[in-house]
Amino acid sequence: MSNNLYHIGAFWILILKVIGTLIGGIVIAGTLAPIMGPLILRKCKKKNIIIGDADDFL
């Protein structure tokens, strides 16, 4: 009986880790985007780089 509970608990821990990783990634991206966006835009303007140009996807 306790062996089955261990496996069920491990399953839920795995699910919670995946959800935590997804939510954590979204929070980190949401926090860094307003900071890094203008810095990258300024860097691209300084080097005269077009963001999203077709050469970026090759």
Protein backbone atom coordinates (compact mmCIF):
# COMPACT_ATOMS: atom_id res chain seq x y z
CA MET A 1 0.00 0.00 0.00
CA SER A 2 2.68 2.55 0.95
CA ASN A 3 4.66 1.68 -2.20
CA ASN A 4 1.69 2.69 -4.36
CA LEU A 5 1.32 5.95 -2.43
CA TYR A 6 4.99 6.69 -3.05
CA HIS A 7 4.50 6.32 -6.82
CA ILE A 8 1.37 8.48 -6.78
CA GLY A 9 3.22 11.14 -4.78
CA ALA A 10 6.15 11.06 -7.19
CA PHE A 11 3.75 11.59 -10.10
CA TRP A 12 2.19 14.68 -8.49
CA ILE A 13 5.60 16.08 -7.56
CA LEU A 14 6.65 15.71 -11.20
CA ILE A 15 3.51 17.51 -12.37
CA LEU A 16 4.05 20.31 -9.84
CA LYS A 17 7.70 20.68 -10.91
CA VAL A 18 6.66 21.06 -14.56
CA ILE A 19 3.99 23.61 -13.69
CA GLY A 20 6.41 25.46 -11.42
CA THR A 21 9.03 25.57 -14.15
CA LEU A 22 6.53 26.93 -16.67
CA ILE A 23 5.18 29.58 -14.30
CA GLY A 24 8.70 30.49 -13.18
CA GLY A 25 9.83 30.88 -16.77
CA ILE A 26 6.88 33.11 -17.57
CA VAL A 27 7.57 35.27 -14.50
CA ILE A 28 11.26 35.59 -15.35
CA ALA A 29 10.53 36.43 -19.00
CA GLY A 30 7.88 38.93 -17.97
CA THR A 31 10.28 40.59 -15.57
CA LEU A 32 13.26 40.77 -17.91
CA ALA A 33 11.45 41.75 -21.12
CA PRO A 34 10.77 45.39 -20.17
CA ILE A 35 14.39 45.74 -19.09
CA MET A 36 16.16 43.95 -21.93
CA GLY A 37 13.88 45.09 -24.78
CA PRO A 38 14.95 48.75 -24.84
CA LEU A 39 18.60 47.79 -24.31
CA ILE A 40 18.57 45.46 -27.32
CA LEU A 41 16.69 48.03 -29.40
CA ARG A 42 19.28 50.70 -28.56
CA LYS A 43 22.11 48.29 -29.43
CA CYS A 44 20.48 47.45 -32.78
CA LYS A 45 19.94 51.12 -33.62
CA LYS A 46 23.57 51.87 -32.80
CA LYS A 47 24.79 49.07 -35.11
CA ASN A 48 22.09 49.79 -37.73
CA ILE A 49 20.63 46.26 -37.50
CA ILE A 50 17.07 45.54 -38.57
CA ILE A 51 15.32 43.30 -36.02
CA GLY A 52 13.36 40.47 -37.62
CA ASP A 53 15.14 40.68 -40.95
CA ALA A 54 15.00 37.59 -43.18
CA ASP A 55 18.72 36.97 -42.53
CA ASP A 56 17.91 36.35 -38.86
CA PHE A 57 16.02 33.17 -39.75
CA LEU A 58 18.67 31.48 -41.89
